[in-house]
C-alpha atoms as a PDB file:
ATOM      1  CA  MET A   1      13.353  14.393   3.087  1.00  0.00           C
ATOM      2  CA  LYS A   2      10.163  12.819   4.363  1.00  0.00           C
ATOM      3  CA  MET A   3       8.159  12.823   7.562  1.00  0.00           C
ATOM      4  CA  ALA A   4       9.305  10.134  10.018  1.00  0.00           C
ATOM      5  CA  HIS A   5       6.950  10.126  13.015  1.00  0.00           C
ATOM      6  CA  THR A   6       4.713  12.092  15.341  1.00  0.00           C
ATOM      7  CA  CYS A   7       5.213  11.768  19.105  1.00  0.00           C
ATOM      8  CA  ILE A   8       2.480  12.037  21.695  1.00  0.00           C
ATOM      9  CA  ARG A   9       2.952  11.534  25.427  1.00  0.00           C
ATOM     10  CA  VAL A  10       0.491   9.157  27.071  1.00  0.00           C
ATOM     11  CA  LYS A  11      -0.395   8.538  30.721  1.00  0.00           C
ATOM     12  CA  ASP A  12      -1.625   4.920  30.284  1.00  0.00           C
ATOM     13  CA  LEU A  13       0.327   3.047  27.631  1.00  0.00           C
ATOM     14  CA  GLU A  14      -1.968   0.010  27.545  1.00  0.00           C
ATOM     15  CA  ALA A  15      -5.124   2.140  27.201  1.00  0.00           C
ATOM     16  CA  SER A  16      -3.537   4.149  24.381  1.00  0.00           C
ATOM     17  CA  LEU A  17      -2.346   1.014  22.565  1.00  0.00           C
ATOM     18  CA  ALA A  18      -5.814  -0.534  22.850  1.00  0.00           C
ATOM     19  CA  PHE A  19      -7.432   2.642  21.492  1.00  0.00           C
ATOM     20  CA  TYR A  20      -5.186   3.027  18.437  1.00  0.00           C
ATOM     21  CA  GLN A  21      -5.256  -0.684  17.639  1.00  0.00           C
ATOM     22  CA  LYS A  22      -9.039  -0.981  17.979  1.00  0.00           C
ATOM     23  CA  ALA A  23     -10.047   2.346  16.443  1.00  0.00           C
ATOM     24  CA  PHE A  24      -7.621   2.375  13.502  1.00  0.00           C
ATOM     25  CA  LYS A  25      -5.931  -1.053  13.282  1.00  0.00           C
ATOM     26  CA  PHE A  26      -2.510   0.395  14.110  1.00  0.00           C
ATOM     27  CA  GLU A  27       0.186  -2.254  14.498  1.00  0.00           C
ATOM     28  CA  GLU A  28       3.104  -2.036  16.907  1.00  0.00           C
ATOM     29  CA  SER A  29       6.211  -1.779  14.731  1.00  0.00           C
ATOM     30  CA  ARG A  30       8.796  -1.513  17.501  1.00  0.00           C
ATOM     31  CA  ARG A  31       9.211  -0.800  21.182  1.00  0.00           C
ATOM     32  CA  ARG A  32      12.105   0.587  23.180  1.00  0.00           C
ATOM     33  CA  ASP A  33      12.037   0.379  26.968  1.00  0.00           C
ATOM     34  CA  PHE A  34      14.397   2.416  29.137  1.00  0.00           C
ATOM     35  CA  PRO A  35      13.553   1.359  32.712  1.00  0.00           C
ATOM     36  CA  GLU A  36      16.692   2.988  34.125  1.00  0.00           C
ATOM     37  CA  HIS A  37      15.408   6.312  32.760  1.00  0.00           C
ATOM     38  CA  LYS A  38      11.762   5.473  33.479  1.00  0.00           C
ATOM     39  CA  PHE A  39      10.251   5.723  30.007  1.00  0.00           C
ATOM     40  CA  SER A  40       9.160   3.593  27.050  1.00  0.00           C
ATOM     41  CA  LEU A  41       8.692   4.398  23.381  1.00  0.00           C
ATOM     42  CA  VAL A  42       6.182   2.435  21.315  1.00  0.00           C
ATOM     43  CA  TYR A  43       5.979   3.009  17.571  1.00  0.00           C
ATOM     44  CA  LEU A  44       2.775   2.267  15.691  1.00  0.00           C
ATOM     45  CA  THR A  45       2.127   2.090  11.956  1.00  0.00           C
ATOM     46  CA  LEU A  46      -0.918   1.600   9.817  1.00  0.00           C
ATOM     47  CA  PRO A  47      -0.791  -1.430   7.500  1.00  0.00           C
ATOM     48  CA  GLY A  48       1.063  -0.500   4.326  1.00  0.00           C
ATOM     49  CA  ASP A  49       2.322   2.827   5.710  1.00  0.00           C
ATOM     50  CA  LEU A  50       5.837   3.575   6.976  1.00  0.00           C
ATOM     51  CA  TYR A  51       4.947   6.776   8.860  1.00  0.00           C
ATOM     52  CA  GLU A  52       4.925   6.134  12.608  1.00  0.00           C
ATOM     53  CA  LEU A  53       2.973   7.348  15.583  1.00  0.00           C
ATOM     54  CA  GLU A  54       5.276   7.317  18.619  1.00  0.00           C
ATOM     55  CA  LEU A  55       3.636   6.829  22.002  1.00  0.00           C
ATOM     56  CA  THR A  56       5.964   8.058  24.736  1.00  0.00           C
ATOM     57  CA  TYR A  57       5.172   6.684  28.164  1.00  0.00           C
ATOM     58  CA  ASN A  58       6.948   8.288  31.119  1.00  0.00           C
ATOM     59  CA  TYR A  59       6.583   6.023  34.143  1.00  0.00           C
ATOM     60  CA  ASP A  60       4.511   7.377  37.042  1.00  0.00           C
ATOM     61  CA  HIS A  61       3.505  10.557  35.210  1.00  0.00           C
ATOM     62  CA  GLU A  62       0.064  12.060  35.639  1.00  0.00           C
ATOM     63  CA  ALA A  63      -2.013  13.389  32.739  1.00  0.00           C
ATOM     64  CA  TYR A  64      -0.377  15.923  30.457  1.00  0.00           C
ATOM     65  CA  ASP A  65      -1.559  19.473  29.883  1.00  0.00           C
ATOM     66  CA  LEU A  66      -2.230  19.522  26.138  1.00  0.00           C
ATOM     67  CA  GLY A  67      -2.174  23.305  26.080  1.00  0.00           C
ATOM     68  CA  ASP A  68      -3.735  25.289  23.293  1.00  0.00           C
ATOM     69  CA  GLY A  69      -1.023  24.797  20.668  1.00  0.00           C
ATOM     70  CA  TYR A  70      -1.796  21.194  19.726  1.00  0.00           C
ATOM     71  CA  GLY A  71      -4.416  20.814  17.009  1.00  0.00           C
ATOM     72  CA  HIS A  72      -4.733  17.242  15.790  1.00  0.00           C
ATOM     73  CA  ILE A  73      -3.253  14.491  13.689  1.00  0.00           C
ATOM     74  CA  ALA A  74      -5.192  13.270  10.649  1.00  0.00           C
ATOM     75  CA  ILE A  75      -5.840   9.785   9.316  1.00  0.00           C
ATOM     76  CA  SER A  76      -7.462   9.264   5.928  1.00  0.00           C
ATOM     77  CA  ALA A  77      -9.868   6.408   5.267  1.00  0.00           C
ATOM     78  CA  GLU A  78     -11.808   5.398   2.166  1.00  0.00           C
ATOM     79  CA  ASP A  79     -15.206   4.850   3.787  1.00  0.00           C
ATOM     80  CA  ILE A  80     -15.374   7.381   6.599  1.00  0.00           C
ATOM     81  CA  GLU A  81     -19.131   6.999   7.011  1.00  0.00           C
ATOM     82  CA  THR A  82     -18.767   3.320   7.938  1.00  0.00           C
ATOM     83  CA  LEU A  83     -15.752   4.026  10.158  1.00  0.00           C
ATOM     84  CA  HIS A  84     -17.650   6.860  11.835  1.00  0.00           C
ATOM     85  CA  ALA A  85     -20.565   4.515  12.589  1.00  0.00           C
ATOM     86  CA  GLU A  86     -18.148   1.859  13.940  1.00  0.00           C
ATOM     87  CA  HIS A  87     -16.446   4.416  16.183  1.00  0.00           C
ATOM     88  CA  LYS A  88     -19.782   5.631  17.558  1.00  0.00           C
ATOM     89  CA  LYS A  89     -20.978   2.052  18.131  1.00  0.00           C
ATOM     90  CA  ALA A  90     -17.729   1.221  19.976  1.00  0.00           C
ATOM     91  CA  GLY A  91     -18.404   4.117  22.351  1.00  0.00           C
ATOM     92  CA  PHE A  92     -15.475   6.302  21.309  1.00  0.00           C
ATOM     93  CA  ASN A  93     -15.730  10.071  21.765  1.00  0.00           C
ATOM     94  CA  VAL A  94     -16.534  11.218  18.196  1.00  0.00           C
ATOM     95  CA  THR A  95     -18.033  14.333  16.653  1.00  0.00           C
ATOM     96  CA  ASP A  96     -20.713  14.415  14.006  1.00  0.00           C
ATOM     97  CA  MET A  97     -19.552  14.378  10.392  1.00  0.00           C
ATOM     98  CA  LYS A  98     -18.435  17.844   9.289  1.00  0.00           C
ATOM     99  CA  GLY A  99     -17.600  19.727   6.114  1.00  0.00           C
ATOM    100  CA  LEU A 100     -15.823  22.961   5.352  1.00  0.00           C
ATOM    101  CA  PRO A 101     -18.170  25.861   4.549  1.00  0.00           C
ATOM    102  CA  GLY A 102     -20.063  25.105   1.348  1.00  0.00           C
ATOM    103  CA  THR A 103     -18.855  21.498   1.107  1.00  0.00           C
ATOM    104  CA  PRO A 104     -20.477  18.173   1.980  1.00  0.00           C
ATOM    105  CA  PRO A 105     -19.363  16.350   5.151  1.00  0.00           C
ATOM    106  CA  SER A 106     -15.889  14.918   4.633  1.00  0.00           C
ATOM    107  CA  TYR A 107     -14.367  14.556   8.090  1.00  0.00           C
ATOM    108  CA  TYR A 108     -14.955  14.029  11.808  1.00  0.00           C
ATOM    109  CA  PHE A 109     -12.881  14.016  14.979  1.00  0.00           C
ATOM    110  CA  ILE A 110     -12.292  11.232  17.488  1.00  0.00           C
ATOM    111  CA  THR A 111     -10.554  11.751  20.848  1.00  0.00           C
ATOM    112  CA  ASP A 112      -8.048   9.293  22.322  1.00  0.00           C
ATOM    113  CA  PRO A 113      -7.761   8.387  26.046  1.00  0.00           C
ATOM    114  CA  ASP A 114      -5.382  11.305  26.688  1.00  0.00           C
ATOM    115  CA  GLY A 115      -7.559  13.906  24.994  1.00  0.00           C
ATOM    116  CA  TYR A 116      -5.630  14.076  21.720  1.00  0.00           C
ATOM    117  CA  LYS A 117      -7.863  14.747  18.741  1.00  0.00           C
ATOM    118  CA  ILE A 118      -7.577  12.730  15.538  1.00  0.00           C
ATOM    119  CA  GLU A 119      -9.238  14.000  12.377  1.00  0.00           C
ATOM    120  CA  VAL A 120     -10.588  11.243  10.151  1.00  0.00           C
ATOM    121  CA  ILE A 121     -10.755  12.505   6.557  1.00  0.00           C
ATOM    122  CA  ARG A 122     -11.418  11.291   3.049  1.00  0.00           C
ATOM    123  CA  PRO A 123      -8.231  10.625   1.065  1.00  0.00           C
ATOM    124  CA  LYS A 124      -7.020  13.357  -1.265  1.00  0.00           C
ATOM    125  CA  TYR A 125      -6.883  12.303  -4.911  1.00  0.00           C
END
């Protein structure tokens, strides 16, 4: 077995696509539109990675209540300091660099247009 995808529901498909493509260089791998059922599914992948992020867009739906059960998804990047600076410069909602107690900074969070948090971390070796 292996992980296939993570689904998040979005209120503005174009804004979400722009965010993930600009912030992380996600590429649209496939799209399925179901106008008769009033929803679309857009699958995004990072270059060289088969794992997908599924954006589910339900037509004419207002913002979603994220509740208190959702935590975050995580994306690893080699040079998180440079990416962090790029995200701040682009005006994205990002936290300061953080570290677990007793460790140097190794991650930060960025928030997408729907309020979903993405942790940006150093790769595990």
